[in-house]
Amino acid sequence: MEPVLKVSHLKKYFPMGNNQILKAVDDVSFEIYQGKTLGLVGESGCGKTTCGRTCTGLYSRTGGQVLFKGQDVHEMRGKDRKDFTKKVQTIFQDPYASLDPRMKVNDIIAEGIRIHHMASKKEEREIVQELLRQVGLQSEHANRYIHEFSGGQRQRIGIARALAIHPEFLVCDEPISALDVSIQAQIVNLLREMQDKMGLTYLFVAHDLSMVRHISDQVAVMYLGKIVELTSSDELYSHPVHPYTQALLSAIPIPDPDVEATRERIVLKGDVPSPISPPKGCRFRGRCKYATAKCGGIEPKMKQIGTGHFVACHLYNKEDA
């Protein structure tokens, strides 16, 4: 079975002046299969949003390759590019910033339908009404403006807009991080429901590992532009092996006061290095209690340590020289 999205050695660098280069995404590879969800997680500034936007062609690549159903995303032109934009949509982190405040909800949701000439005016209205119903809003909401809605409602409108042209693949760029905790679970459940109904494939970008667990089939952990661990969601949460992954998981609160009071929390020391001048060798070594001299001289490569479980760490790459 061929992957829907295949990312190979993807790089995205930004020139910063004074001959400096910010390496936001530096040699990232992963695959996502039909109907599945890959969660891309990591702390702020690790490059996960840039990776998602480069995968859809919103950013040009510096190196590597992104294949969508066998076609190179960054080589698409004309009709191929337009067809791609119909099949791949993005749900952005900030719904207020990504939705035009001068347009009514009906026009926001219907914009893609009009661009791709998918329906008549009458059919368009019916599609918008049905989408609003599916995302938990009312038909009268179609005639309102974005400022009249709450954050959770605006994100639902963003989801309806993305679904309006029947996409096959969605990049969910931190779609719940700007929402109240009480609303986050509703949005995640809505995304799962839409995935089951429509057979959608997701790249789910987030920094909240507790929510990622409920929607992802696989999870890739990013640190300073690189993936340091990649495995199934169940395996990651039951058997995290990279020290950075272990630290992230230890920060997730457990809703049991007795367990929470007694469990060990891993506190990382130091700051995240600058992506403009990342350290040689392992980029995590300055914050890792297991770091050795080898970590400072040799960059660890991704190695398979179990079925579908990959990690970039010298604790498991004994043969690196």
Protein backbone atom coordinates (compact mmCIF):
# COMPACT_ATOMS: atom_id res chain seq x y z
CA MET A 1 0.00 0.00 0.00
CA GLU A 2 1.48 3.32 -1.11
CA PRO A 3 1.47 6.20 1.39
CA VAL A 4 -0.76 9.21 0.72
CA LEU A 5 2.07 11.51 1.80
CA LYS A 6 5.73 10.55 1.68
CA VAL A 7 8.26 13.03 3.05
CA SER A 8 11.93 12.24 2.37
CA HIS A 9 14.85 14.20 3.85
CA LEU A 10 12.84 17.42 3.83
CA LYS A 11 14.70 20.65 4.62
CA LYS A 12 13.45 24.19 5.00
CA TYR A 13 15.97 26.94 5.75
CA PHE A 14 15.34 30.67 6.14
CA PRO A 15 18.05 33.27 5.40
CA MET A 16 18.40 35.60 8.41
CA GLY A 17 20.92 38.18 7.18
CA ASN A 18 24.62 38.46 8.03
CA ASN A 19 25.04 35.17 6.13
CA GLN A 20 23.11 33.33 8.85
CA ILE A 21 20.63 30.55 8.09
CA LEU A 22 17.80 29.36 10.33
CA LYS A 23 17.40 25.59 9.87
CA ALA A 24 13.72 25.25 10.77
CA VAL A 25 13.32 21.76 9.25
CA ASP A 26 16.51 19.78 8.78
CA ASP A 27 16.33 16.33 7.15
CA VAL A 28 12.86 15.10 8.16
CA SER A 29 11.31 11.89 6.78
CA PHE A 30 7.97 10.16 7.43
CA GLU A 31 5.01 8.52 5.67
CA ILE A 32 1.25 8.77 6.22
CA TYR A 33 -1.17 6.15 4.88
CA GLN A 34 -4.79 6.42 3.77
CA GLY A 35 -7.23 7.05 6.62
CA LYS A 36 -4.47 7.36 9.23
CA THR A 37 -3.22 10.21 11.40
CA LEU A 38 0.39 11.14 12.11
CA GLY A 39 0.83 13.38 15.15
CA LEU A 40 3.81 15.74 14.83
CA VAL A 41 4.72 16.98 18.31
CA GLY A 42 7.37 19.00 20.07
CA GLU A 43 7.83 22.20 22.05
CA SER A 44 7.35 25.64 20.50
CA GLY A 45 9.98 26.51 17.91
CA CYS A 46 10.93 22.94 17.00
CA GLY A 47 9.82 23.39 13.36
CA LYS A 48 6.64 21.33 13.30
CA THR A 49 4.40 24.06 11.83
CA THR A 50 7.03 24.92 9.21
CA CYS A 51 7.22 21.22 8.33
CA GLY A 52 3.45 21.03 7.84
CA ARG A 53 3.36 24.14 5.66
CA THR A 54 6.28 22.94 3.56
CA CYS A 55 4.52 19.61 3.03
CA THR A 56 1.55 21.42 1.46
CA GLY A 57 3.69 23.76 -0.64
CA LEU A 58 2.81 26.90 1.34
CA TYR A 59 6.56 27.17 1.88
CA SER A 60 9.07 26.24 -0.80
CA ARG A 61 11.50 23.47 0.16
CA THR A 62 15.22 23.95 0.61
CA GLY A 63 15.93 20.27 0.03
CA GLY A 64 14.38 16.83 0.06
CA GLN A 65 11.09 15.69 -1.45
CA VAL A 66 7.38 15.65 -0.63
CA LEU A 67 5.27 13.19 -2.62
CA PHE A 68 1.47 13.28 -2.52
CA LYS A 69 0.17 10.08 -4.10
CA GLY A 70 3.43 9.76 -5.99
CA GLN A 71 3.53 13.34 -7.30
CA ASP A 72 6.15 15.84 -6.18
CA VAL A 73 4.25 18.63 -4.41
CA HIS A 74 6.90 21.26 -5.15
CA GLU A 75 7.03 20.46 -8.86
CA MET A 76 3.29 20.79 -9.47
CA ARG A 77 2.16 23.52 -11.84
CA GLY A 78 -1.09 24.63 -13.46
CA LYS A 79 -3.93 22.09 -13.36
CA ASP A 80 -1.93 19.64 -11.22
CA ARG A 81 -1.38 22.32 -8.58
CA LYS A 82 -5.05 23.35 -8.58
CA ASP A 83 -6.14 19.71 -8.24
CA PHE A 84 -3.71 19.33 -5.35
CA THR A 85 -5.17 22.34 -3.52
CA LYS A 86 -8.57 20.70 -3.79
CA LYS A 87 -7.34 17.44 -2.31
CA VAL A 88 -5.22 18.95 0.48
CA GLN A 89 -6.49 21.54 2.95
CA THR A 90 -5.19 23.12 6.16
CA ILE A 91 -6.89 23.90 9.46
CA PHE A 92 -4.89 26.74 10.99
CA GLN A 93 -4.02 27.35 14.62
CA ASP A 94 -5.70 30.74 14.98
CA PRO A 95 -9.18 30.68 13.43
CA TYR A 96 -9.68 34.43 13.84
CA ALA A 97 -6.49 35.23 11.91
CA SER A 98 -7.12 32.65 9.17
CA LEU A 99 -10.75 33.62 8.43
CA ASP A 100 -11.60 36.87 6.61
CA PRO A 101 -13.48 39.15 9.06
CA ARG A 102 -15.10 41.03 6.15
CA MET A 103 -16.80 37.92 4.78
CA LYS A 104 -19.91 36.23 6.09
CA VAL A 105 -19.63 32.60 7.15
CA ASN A 106 -21.55 31.43 4.08
CA ASP A 107 -18.98 33.06 1.77
CA ILE A 108 -16.01 31.79 3.81
CA ILE A 109 -17.16 28.18 3.60
CA ALA A 110 -18.33 28.45 -0.03
CA GLU A 111 -15.17 30.15 -1.35
CA GLY A 112 -13.42 26.89 -2.26
CA ILE A 113 -16.59 25.53 -3.85
CA ARG A 114 -16.71 28.57 -6.13
CA ILE A 115 -13.01 28.46 -7.02
CA HIS A 116 -13.28 24.82 -8.10
CA HIS A 117 -16.74 25.26 -9.73
CA MET A 118 -18.19 22.38 -7.73
CA ALA A 119 -21.85 23.40 -7.40
CA SER A 120 -24.60 25.75 -8.48
CA LYS A 121 -25.76 28.60 -6.20
CA LYS A 122 -28.63 26.53 -4.86
CA GLU A 123 -26.44 23.48 -4.28
CA GLU A 124 -23.80 25.70 -2.68
CA ARG A 125 -26.27 26.94 -0.05
CA GLU A 126 -27.35 23.38 0.71
CA ILE A 127 -23.73 22.25 1.06
CA VAL A 128 -22.94 25.12 3.45
CA GLN A 129 -26.02 24.36 5.56
CA GLU A 130 -25.10 20.69 5.77
CA LEU A 131 -21.48 21.46 6.71
CA LEU A 132 -22.60 23.82 9.47
CA ARG A 133 -24.85 21.07 10.83
CA GLN A 134 -22.02 18.52 10.68
CA VAL A 135 -19.66 20.73 12.69
CA GLY A 136 -22.28 21.48 15.33
CA LEU A 137 -23.45 24.95 14.26
CA GLN A 138 -26.85 26.31 13.22
CA SER A 139 -28.06 27.25 9.74
CA GLU A 140 -28.59 30.90 10.76
CA HIS A 141 -24.88 31.17 11.54
CA ALA A 142 -24.23 31.34 7.78
CA ASN A 143 -25.23 35.03 7.71
CA ARG A 144 -22.98 36.16 10.56
CA TYR A 145 -19.43 37.49 10.68
CA ILE A 146 -16.49 35.84 12.40
CA HIS A 147 -16.30 38.35 15.28
CA GLU A 148 -19.77 37.20 16.41
CA PHE A 149 -18.49 33.72 17.37
CA SER A 150 -16.50 32.19 20.20
CA GLY A 151 -13.07 30.65 19.62
CA GLY A 152 -14.46 27.14 19.49
CA GLN A 153 -17.17 28.13 17.04
CA ARG A 154 -14.64 29.90 14.81
CA GLN A 155 -12.51 26.76 14.71
CA ARG A 156 -15.57 24.75 13.69
CA ILE A 157 -16.11 27.21 10.83
CA GLY A 158 -12.46 26.71 9.83
CA ILE A 159 -13.04 22.96 9.78
CA ALA A 160 -16.20 23.38 7.69
CA ARG A 161 -14.28 25.53 5.19
CA ALA A 162 -11.56 22.89 4.90
CA LEU A 163 -14.12 20.11 4.36
CA ALA A 164 -16.27 22.03 1.84
CA ILE A 165 -14.35 20.85 -1.25
CA HIS A 166 -14.17 17.20 -0.13
CA PRO A 167 -10.42 17.00 0.52
CA GLU A 168 -8.54 13.75 1.00
CA PHE A 169 -5.78 15.06 3.27
CA LEU A 170 -5.85 17.65 6.08
CA VAL A 171 -2.95 19.37 7.80
CA CYS A 172 -4.27 20.26 11.25
CA ASP A 173 -1.86 22.96 12.44
CA GLU A 174 -2.36 23.08 16.21
CA PRO A 175 -6.14 23.34 15.74
CA ILE A 176 -6.87 23.19 19.48
CA SER A 177 -4.02 25.13 21.11
CA ALA A 178 -5.89 28.48 21.04
CA LEU A 179 -9.03 26.96 22.58
CA ASP A 180 -10.22 26.44 26.14
CA VAL A 181 -9.56 22.99 27.54
CA SER A 182 -13.29 22.28 27.71
CA ILE A 183 -13.57 22.88 23.95
CA GLN A 184 -10.42 21.02 22.88
CA ALA A 185 -11.90 17.55 23.34
CA GLN A 186 -14.97 18.55 21.31
CA ILE A 187 -12.83 19.64 18.36
CA VAL A 188 -10.68 16.48 18.51
CA ASN A 189 -13.81 14.31 18.63
CA LEU A 190 -15.24 16.25 15.68
CA LEU A 191 -12.07 15.66 13.65
CA ARG A 192 -12.17 11.94 14.43
CA GLU A 193 -15.85 11.76 13.46
CA MET A 194 -15.15 13.52 10.13
CA GLN A 195 -12.22 11.19 9.49
CA ASP A 196 -14.39 8.12 10.00
CA LYS A 197 -17.18 9.49 7.77
CA MET A 198 -15.00 10.77 4.92
CA GLY A 199 -11.92 8.52 5.08
CA LEU A 200 -9.65 11.52 5.65
CA THR A 201 -5.92 11.37 6.27
CA TYR A 202 -4.41 13.79 8.82
CA LEU A 203 -1.09 15.37 9.66
CA PHE A 204 -1.90 16.61 13.17
CA VAL A 205 0.58 19.22 14.43
CA ALA A 206 0.46 19.87 18.18
CA HIS A 207 2.45 20.31 21.36
CA ASP A 208 -0.15 18.77 23.67
CA LEU A 209 0.76 15.08 23.81
CA SER A 210 -2.32 14.17 25.85
CA MET A 211 -4.62 15.22 23.00
CA VAL A 212 -2.38 13.77 20.28
CA ARG A 213 -2.72 10.36 21.89
CA HIS A 214 -6.48 10.28 21.23
CA ILE A 215 -6.35 11.08 17.53
CA SER A 216 -3.02 9.76 16.19
CA ASP A 217 -2.12 6.33 14.85
CA GLN A 218 1.56 7.30 14.73
CA VAL A 219 3.50 10.02 16.53
CA ALA A 220 6.70 11.76 15.40
CA VAL A 221 8.56 13.77 18.06
CA MET A 222 10.50 16.78 16.74
CA TYR A 223 13.36 18.61 18.42
CA LEU A 224 15.14 21.58 16.87
CA GLY A 225 14.22 20.75 13.28
CA LYS A 226 14.72 16.98 13.45
CA ILE A 227 12.56 13.96 14.26
CA VAL A 228 14.08 12.15 17.24
CA GLU A 229 11.48 9.39 17.69
CA LEU A 230 8.77 7.91 15.46
CA THR A 231 6.45 5.06 16.33
CA SER A 232 2.81 4.10 16.87
CA SER A 233 0.82 6.12 19.37
CA ASP A 234 0.36 3.18 21.75
CA GLU A 235 4.06 2.30 21.64
CA LEU A 236 5.18 5.87 22.25
CA TYR A 237 3.05 6.34 25.33
CA SER A 238 3.81 2.91 26.79
CA HIS A 239 7.49 2.68 25.81
CA PRO A 240 9.11 6.08 25.10
CA VAL A 241 12.86 5.64 24.59
CA HIS A 242 14.34 9.00 23.60
CA PRO A 243 15.19 11.14 26.66
CA TYR A 244 13.36 14.11 25.14
CA THR A 245 10.20 12.06 24.56
CA GLN A 246 10.37 10.78 28.13
CA ALA A 247 10.60 14.34 29.43
CA LEU A 248 7.62 15.49 27.34
CA LEU A 249 5.46 12.61 28.53
CA SER A 250 6.41 13.16 32.17
CA ALA A 251 4.98 16.69 31.93
CA ILE A 252 1.48 15.44 31.11
CA PRO A 253 -0.70 15.77 34.24
CA ILE A 254 -2.44 12.61 35.43
CA PRO A 255 -6.03 13.03 36.75
CA ASP A 256 -5.29 11.01 39.89
CA PRO A 257 -3.94 13.07 42.84
CA ASP A 258 -2.26 10.06 44.47
CA VAL A 259 -0.39 9.06 41.31
CA GLU A 260 0.40 12.66 40.42
CA ALA A 261 1.92 13.33 43.86
CA THR A 262 4.27 10.35 43.75
CA ARG A 263 5.38 10.06 40.13
CA GLU A 264 8.75 11.33 38.97
CA ARG A 265 8.80 14.34 36.68
CA ILE A 266 11.75 14.88 34.35
CA VAL A 267 12.83 18.52 34.39
CA LEU A 268 15.03 19.52 31.48
CA LYS A 269 17.83 21.93 32.30
CA GLY A 270 19.09 24.67 30.02
CA ASP A 271 17.48 26.35 27.05
CA VAL A 272 16.70 25.10 23.55
CA PRO A 273 19.71 25.92 21.31
CA SER A 274 19.25 28.36 18.45
CA PRO A 275 18.26 26.79 15.11
CA ILE A 276 20.58 29.34 13.50
CA SER A 277 23.61 27.68 15.06
CA PRO A 278 22.54 24.22 16.29
CA PRO A 279 25.16 22.26 18.26
CA LYS A 280 27.23 19.64 16.52
CA GLY A 281 26.43 16.01 17.12
CA CYS A 282 23.18 15.41 18.99
CA ARG A 283 21.14 18.60 19.22
CA PHE A 284 19.62 17.49 22.52
CA ARG A 285 22.90 16.74 24.28
CA GLY A 286 23.05 20.04 26.21
CA ARG A 287 19.84 19.12 28.06
CA CYS A 288 20.31 15.34 28.28
CA LYS A 289 21.51 13.64 31.47
CA TYR A 290 22.81 10.68 29.43
CA ALA A 291 25.03 12.77 27.12
CA THR A 292 28.56 11.52 26.50
CA ALA A 293 31.54 12.74 24.48
CA LYS A 294 30.20 10.75 21.51
CA CYS A 295 27.03 12.85 21.53
CA GLY A 296 29.07 15.98 20.95
CA GLY A 297 30.92 14.69 17.93
CA ILE A 298 28.55 12.42 16.02
CA GLU A 299 24.97 13.12 15.04
CA PRO A 300 22.76 10.11 15.86
CA LYS A 301 20.90 8.57 12.94
CA MET A 302 17.38 7.21 12.98
CA LYS A 303 17.48 3.50 13.78
CA GLN A 304 14.71 0.93 14.02
CA ILE A 305 14.64 -0.62 17.50
CA GLY A 306 11.34 -2.47 17.18
CA THR A 307 8.41 -3.00 14.86
CA GLY A 308 7.71 0.44 13.43
CA HIS A 309 9.69 2.10 16.24
CA PHE A 310 12.52 4.45 15.19
CA VAL A 311 14.75 6.61 17.37
CA ALA A 312 17.77 8.89 16.86
CA CYS A 313 19.84 8.45 20.01
CA HIS A 314 23.31 7.06 20.72
CA LEU A 315 21.86 5.02 23.59
CA TYR A 316 20.39 2.81 20.86
CA ASN A 317 22.80 3.49 17.97
CA LYS A 318 25.76 1.61 19.40
CA GLU A 319 27.37 0.97 16.05
CA ASP A 320 27.61 4.66 15.00
CA ALA A 321 31.23 5.66 14.49
